[in-house]
N, C-alpha and C. Protein backbone atom coordinates (compact mmCIF):
# COMPACT_ATOMS: atom_id res chain seq x y z
N UNK A 1 -3.80 -7.25 29.57
CA UNK A 1 -3.38 -6.02 28.91
C UNK A 1 -3.92 -6.02 27.48
N UNK A 2 -4.56 -4.96 27.10
CA UNK A 2 -5.12 -4.83 25.76
C UNK A 2 -4.18 -3.99 24.91
N UNK A 3 -3.91 -4.49 23.70
CA UNK A 3 -3.10 -3.74 22.76
C UNK A 3 -4.02 -2.98 21.83
N UNK A 4 -3.89 -1.68 21.81
CA UNK A 4 -4.71 -0.84 20.95
C UNK A 4 -4.04 -0.71 19.59
N UNK A 5 -4.84 -0.58 18.51
CA UNK A 5 -4.26 -0.40 17.19
C UNK A 5 -3.39 0.86 17.14
N UNK A 6 -2.33 0.77 16.39
CA UNK A 6 -1.45 1.90 16.20
C UNK A 6 -2.02 2.79 15.11
N UNK A 7 -2.17 4.07 15.42
CA UNK A 7 -2.70 5.00 14.42
C UNK A 7 -1.83 4.97 13.18
N UNK A 8 -2.47 5.08 12.04
CA UNK A 8 -1.76 5.05 10.77
C UNK A 8 -1.31 6.46 10.41
N UNK A 9 -0.04 6.57 10.05
CA UNK A 9 0.51 7.84 9.58
C UNK A 9 1.06 7.62 8.18
N UNK A 10 0.79 8.55 7.30
CA UNK A 10 1.25 8.48 5.92
C UNK A 10 2.07 9.71 5.62
N UNK A 11 3.20 9.50 4.95
CA UNK A 11 4.03 10.61 4.51
C UNK A 11 4.21 10.44 3.01
N UNK A 12 3.74 11.41 2.25
CA UNK A 12 3.76 11.32 0.79
C UNK A 12 4.77 12.30 0.22
N UNK A 13 5.60 11.79 -0.66
CA UNK A 13 6.55 12.62 -1.41
C UNK A 13 6.46 12.19 -2.86
N UNK A 14 6.92 13.05 -3.75
CA UNK A 14 6.84 12.64 -5.14
C UNK A 14 7.58 13.54 -6.08
N UNK A 15 7.75 13.01 -7.28
CA UNK A 15 8.32 13.75 -8.40
C UNK A 15 7.27 13.73 -9.50
N UNK A 16 7.65 14.17 -10.67
CA UNK A 16 6.70 14.21 -11.78
C UNK A 16 6.20 12.82 -12.15
N UNK A 17 7.04 11.78 -11.99
CA UNK A 17 6.61 10.46 -12.43
C UNK A 17 6.58 9.38 -11.34
N UNK A 18 6.92 9.73 -10.10
CA UNK A 18 6.93 8.75 -9.01
C UNK A 18 6.35 9.36 -7.74
N UNK A 19 5.48 8.60 -7.08
CA UNK A 19 4.95 8.99 -5.78
C UNK A 19 5.34 7.92 -4.78
N UNK A 20 5.81 8.36 -3.62
CA UNK A 20 6.20 7.44 -2.55
C UNK A 20 5.35 7.77 -1.33
N UNK A 21 4.69 6.74 -0.80
CA UNK A 21 3.91 6.90 0.42
C UNK A 21 4.53 6.02 1.49
N UNK A 22 5.05 6.66 2.52
CA UNK A 22 5.61 5.92 3.64
C UNK A 22 4.48 5.63 4.61
N UNK A 23 4.34 4.35 4.96
CA UNK A 23 3.25 3.90 5.83
C UNK A 23 3.83 3.56 7.20
N UNK A 24 3.29 4.18 8.24
CA UNK A 24 3.72 3.91 9.60
C UNK A 24 2.49 3.59 10.44
N UNK A 25 2.47 2.41 11.04
CA UNK A 25 1.36 2.01 11.90
C UNK A 25 0.58 0.86 11.30
N UNK A 26 -0.58 0.59 11.89
CA UNK A 26 -1.39 -0.55 11.51
C UNK A 26 -2.26 -0.25 10.30
N UNK A 27 -2.26 -1.18 9.38
CA UNK A 27 -3.12 -1.10 8.20
C UNK A 27 -4.29 -2.04 8.48
N UNK A 28 -5.28 -1.51 9.19
CA UNK A 28 -6.37 -2.34 9.68
C UNK A 28 -7.73 -1.71 9.38
N UNK A 29 -8.77 -2.37 9.84
CA UNK A 29 -10.15 -1.93 9.59
C UNK A 29 -10.37 -0.47 9.96
N UNK A 30 -9.76 -0.02 11.03
CA UNK A 30 -9.96 1.35 11.50
C UNK A 30 -9.18 2.39 10.71
N UNK A 31 -8.12 1.97 10.00
CA UNK A 31 -7.23 2.95 9.40
C UNK A 31 -6.95 2.77 7.90
N UNK A 32 -7.23 1.60 7.35
CA UNK A 32 -6.83 1.28 5.98
C UNK A 32 -7.39 2.25 4.94
N UNK A 33 -8.59 2.76 5.18
CA UNK A 33 -9.19 3.68 4.21
C UNK A 33 -8.37 4.94 4.03
N UNK A 34 -7.57 5.31 5.01
CA UNK A 34 -6.70 6.49 4.87
C UNK A 34 -5.68 6.27 3.75
N UNK A 35 -5.11 5.06 3.69
CA UNK A 35 -4.15 4.75 2.63
C UNK A 35 -4.85 4.72 1.28
N UNK A 36 -6.01 4.10 1.21
CA UNK A 36 -6.74 4.05 -0.05
C UNK A 36 -7.07 5.46 -0.54
N UNK A 37 -7.52 6.31 0.36
CA UNK A 37 -7.85 7.69 -0.01
C UNK A 37 -6.62 8.44 -0.51
N UNK A 38 -5.49 8.26 0.16
CA UNK A 38 -4.26 8.96 -0.24
C UNK A 38 -3.77 8.46 -1.59
N UNK A 39 -3.73 7.16 -1.78
CA UNK A 39 -3.27 6.60 -3.05
C UNK A 39 -4.19 7.05 -4.19
N UNK A 40 -5.48 7.01 -3.97
CA UNK A 40 -6.45 7.43 -4.98
C UNK A 40 -6.28 8.91 -5.30
N UNK A 41 -6.09 9.73 -4.28
CA UNK A 41 -5.89 11.17 -4.50
C UNK A 41 -4.64 11.43 -5.33
N UNK A 42 -3.57 10.70 -5.04
CA UNK A 42 -2.33 10.88 -5.80
C UNK A 42 -2.50 10.45 -7.25
N UNK A 43 -3.18 9.32 -7.48
CA UNK A 43 -3.41 8.86 -8.85
C UNK A 43 -4.28 9.85 -9.62
N UNK A 44 -5.24 10.46 -8.94
CA UNK A 44 -6.12 11.43 -9.58
C UNK A 44 -5.40 12.75 -9.86
N UNK A 45 -4.62 13.21 -8.89
CA UNK A 45 -3.94 14.50 -9.02
C UNK A 45 -2.75 14.45 -9.99
N UNK A 46 -2.18 13.27 -10.16
CA UNK A 46 -1.00 13.12 -11.01
C UNK A 46 -1.24 12.00 -12.02
N UNK A 47 -2.06 12.26 -13.02
CA UNK A 47 -2.43 11.19 -13.95
C UNK A 47 -1.26 10.61 -14.74
N UNK A 48 -0.13 11.27 -14.78
CA UNK A 48 1.00 10.77 -15.55
C UNK A 48 2.03 9.99 -14.74
N UNK A 49 1.76 9.73 -13.46
CA UNK A 49 2.80 9.05 -12.68
C UNK A 49 3.01 7.63 -13.18
N UNK A 50 4.27 7.23 -13.19
CA UNK A 50 4.63 5.90 -13.68
C UNK A 50 4.75 4.90 -12.55
N UNK A 51 5.08 5.37 -11.34
CA UNK A 51 5.28 4.47 -10.21
C UNK A 51 4.60 5.01 -8.96
N UNK A 52 3.94 4.10 -8.25
CA UNK A 52 3.45 4.38 -6.90
C UNK A 52 4.19 3.41 -6.00
N UNK A 53 5.00 3.95 -5.10
CA UNK A 53 5.82 3.13 -4.22
C UNK A 53 5.30 3.27 -2.80
N UNK A 54 4.84 2.16 -2.25
CA UNK A 54 4.39 2.12 -0.86
C UNK A 54 5.56 1.60 -0.03
N UNK A 55 6.07 2.46 0.82
CA UNK A 55 7.20 2.09 1.68
C UNK A 55 6.62 1.42 2.93
N UNK A 56 6.85 0.12 3.08
CA UNK A 56 6.15 -0.70 4.06
C UNK A 56 6.96 -1.07 5.30
N UNK A 57 8.17 -0.61 5.44
CA UNK A 57 9.04 -1.04 6.54
C UNK A 57 8.44 -0.79 7.92
N UNK A 58 7.64 0.25 8.05
CA UNK A 58 7.08 0.62 9.36
C UNK A 58 5.63 0.19 9.54
N UNK A 59 5.14 -0.68 8.67
CA UNK A 59 3.77 -1.18 8.83
C UNK A 59 3.71 -2.08 10.05
N UNK A 60 2.66 -1.90 10.84
CA UNK A 60 2.41 -2.78 11.98
C UNK A 60 1.56 -3.94 11.52
N UNK A 61 0.43 -4.12 12.16
CA UNK A 61 -0.48 -5.21 11.83
C UNK A 61 -1.21 -4.89 10.52
N UNK A 62 -1.51 -5.95 9.78
CA UNK A 62 -2.31 -5.83 8.56
C UNK A 62 -3.43 -6.86 8.67
N UNK A 63 -4.69 -6.39 8.68
CA UNK A 63 -5.81 -7.32 8.75
C UNK A 63 -6.43 -7.47 7.36
N UNK A 64 -7.59 -8.12 7.30
CA UNK A 64 -8.22 -8.38 6.01
C UNK A 64 -8.60 -7.09 5.29
N UNK A 65 -8.98 -6.06 6.02
CA UNK A 65 -9.29 -4.78 5.39
C UNK A 65 -8.02 -4.15 4.81
N UNK A 66 -6.91 -4.24 5.53
CA UNK A 66 -5.65 -3.73 5.02
C UNK A 66 -5.24 -4.44 3.74
N UNK A 67 -5.39 -5.77 3.73
CA UNK A 67 -5.08 -6.55 2.53
C UNK A 67 -6.00 -6.14 1.39
N UNK A 68 -7.27 -5.97 1.68
CA UNK A 68 -8.23 -5.56 0.66
C UNK A 68 -7.85 -4.20 0.06
N UNK A 69 -7.43 -3.28 0.90
CA UNK A 69 -7.02 -1.96 0.41
C UNK A 69 -5.79 -2.07 -0.49
N UNK A 70 -4.83 -2.89 -0.11
CA UNK A 70 -3.66 -3.08 -0.97
C UNK A 70 -4.06 -3.62 -2.34
N UNK A 71 -4.99 -4.57 -2.35
CA UNK A 71 -5.46 -5.12 -3.62
C UNK A 71 -6.23 -4.08 -4.43
N UNK A 72 -7.04 -3.25 -3.75
CA UNK A 72 -7.76 -2.18 -4.45
C UNK A 72 -6.78 -1.18 -5.07
N UNK A 73 -5.74 -0.84 -4.32
CA UNK A 73 -4.73 0.08 -4.86
C UNK A 73 -4.05 -0.57 -6.06
N UNK A 74 -3.79 -1.86 -5.97
CA UNK A 74 -3.21 -2.58 -7.11
C UNK A 74 -4.08 -2.49 -8.35
N UNK A 75 -5.38 -2.65 -8.19
CA UNK A 75 -6.30 -2.55 -9.33
C UNK A 75 -6.33 -1.12 -9.88
N UNK A 76 -6.33 -0.14 -9.00
CA UNK A 76 -6.38 1.26 -9.46
C UNK A 76 -5.10 1.68 -10.16
N UNK A 77 -3.96 1.22 -9.66
CA UNK A 77 -2.71 1.57 -10.34
C UNK A 77 -2.65 0.88 -11.71
N UNK A 78 -3.08 -0.37 -11.77
CA UNK A 78 -3.08 -1.09 -13.05
C UNK A 78 -3.97 -0.37 -14.07
N UNK A 79 -5.14 0.06 -13.63
CA UNK A 79 -6.06 0.77 -14.52
C UNK A 79 -5.47 2.10 -15.00
N UNK A 80 -4.64 2.71 -14.16
CA UNK A 80 -4.03 4.00 -14.50
C UNK A 80 -2.73 3.83 -15.29
N UNK A 81 -2.28 2.58 -15.48
CA UNK A 81 -1.01 2.35 -16.17
C UNK A 81 0.18 2.69 -15.30
N UNK A 82 0.00 2.64 -14.00
CA UNK A 82 1.05 2.96 -13.03
C UNK A 82 1.54 1.68 -12.38
N UNK A 83 2.84 1.56 -12.23
CA UNK A 83 3.41 0.38 -11.57
C UNK A 83 3.36 0.59 -10.06
N UNK A 84 2.95 -0.46 -9.34
CA UNK A 84 2.87 -0.42 -7.89
C UNK A 84 4.00 -1.24 -7.31
N UNK A 85 4.67 -0.66 -6.32
CA UNK A 85 5.74 -1.36 -5.60
C UNK A 85 5.43 -1.34 -4.12
N UNK A 86 5.64 -2.46 -3.46
CA UNK A 86 5.57 -2.54 -2.00
C UNK A 86 7.01 -2.67 -1.52
N UNK A 87 7.64 -1.53 -1.28
CA UNK A 87 9.06 -1.49 -0.92
C UNK A 87 9.27 -1.85 0.55
N UNK A 88 10.40 -2.51 0.80
CA UNK A 88 10.85 -2.83 2.16
C UNK A 88 9.75 -3.51 2.98
N UNK A 89 9.13 -4.53 2.37
CA UNK A 89 8.08 -5.28 3.07
C UNK A 89 8.67 -6.01 4.26
N UNK A 90 8.06 -5.88 5.43
CA UNK A 90 8.49 -6.71 6.55
C UNK A 90 8.09 -8.16 6.27
N UNK A 91 8.80 -9.09 6.89
CA UNK A 91 8.56 -10.52 6.65
C UNK A 91 7.11 -10.89 6.94
N UNK A 92 6.50 -10.29 7.95
CA UNK A 92 5.12 -10.66 8.29
C UNK A 92 4.14 -10.25 7.19
N UNK A 93 4.42 -9.16 6.49
CA UNK A 93 3.55 -8.76 5.38
C UNK A 93 3.75 -9.71 4.20
N UNK A 94 4.98 -10.05 3.89
CA UNK A 94 5.24 -11.01 2.82
C UNK A 94 4.57 -12.34 3.14
N UNK A 95 4.65 -12.77 4.38
CA UNK A 95 4.02 -14.03 4.79
C UNK A 95 2.50 -13.96 4.61
N UNK A 96 1.87 -12.86 5.01
CA UNK A 96 0.43 -12.69 4.84
C UNK A 96 0.06 -12.76 3.36
N UNK A 97 0.80 -12.07 2.53
CA UNK A 97 0.52 -12.08 1.09
C UNK A 97 0.69 -13.49 0.53
N UNK A 98 1.70 -14.21 1.00
CA UNK A 98 1.93 -15.58 0.55
C UNK A 98 0.80 -16.50 1.01
N UNK A 99 0.43 -16.42 2.27
CA UNK A 99 -0.62 -17.28 2.83
C UNK A 99 -1.98 -17.06 2.17
N UNK A 100 -2.23 -15.84 1.74
CA UNK A 100 -3.53 -15.52 1.13
C UNK A 100 -3.51 -15.67 -0.39
N UNK A 101 -2.38 -16.09 -0.93
CA UNK A 101 -2.29 -16.29 -2.37
C UNK A 101 -2.26 -15.00 -3.16
N UNK A 102 -1.91 -13.91 -2.52
CA UNK A 102 -1.90 -12.61 -3.21
C UNK A 102 -0.49 -12.08 -3.49
N UNK A 103 0.53 -12.78 -3.04
CA UNK A 103 1.91 -12.30 -3.21
C UNK A 103 2.23 -12.05 -4.68
N UNK A 104 1.79 -12.94 -5.56
CA UNK A 104 2.09 -12.77 -6.98
C UNK A 104 1.46 -11.51 -7.57
N UNK A 105 0.38 -11.03 -6.97
CA UNK A 105 -0.24 -9.79 -7.46
C UNK A 105 0.69 -8.59 -7.27
N UNK A 106 1.59 -8.70 -6.30
CA UNK A 106 2.48 -7.58 -5.99
C UNK A 106 3.91 -7.81 -6.43
N UNK A 107 4.25 -9.02 -6.85
CA UNK A 107 5.64 -9.31 -7.22
C UNK A 107 5.80 -9.85 -8.63
N UNK A 108 4.70 -10.08 -9.34
CA UNK A 108 4.78 -10.62 -10.69
C UNK A 108 5.45 -9.62 -11.61
N UNK A 109 6.12 -10.14 -12.63
CA UNK A 109 6.74 -9.22 -13.59
C UNK A 109 5.65 -8.39 -14.25
N UNK A 110 5.97 -7.15 -14.50
CA UNK A 110 4.99 -6.24 -15.06
C UNK A 110 4.21 -5.49 -14.00
N UNK A 111 4.42 -5.83 -12.75
CA UNK A 111 3.71 -5.16 -11.65
C UNK A 111 4.53 -4.00 -11.18
């Protein structure tokens, strides 16, 4: 039995200073660019936002491309002076970030 990647769905809501993107599905090679495009569009359209919150509870698999996109979003939010939060991370995402040495990029003070 072959397991096919789960299509990525994004739901974006926001206020004047906070944008929340709910992520549902796999953050993988086939879909990760959708999240990068959405986060970039929000940062561009709302240059004054203080927080970008990625709601991660419904994330499925995350591969190296998904991790790369999260790191790219981290760099873009830092450059924009926006704080990035990975809310409601499932244990498997926290474990991936820990194993790859990137957890501190998302949990360090000032992030």
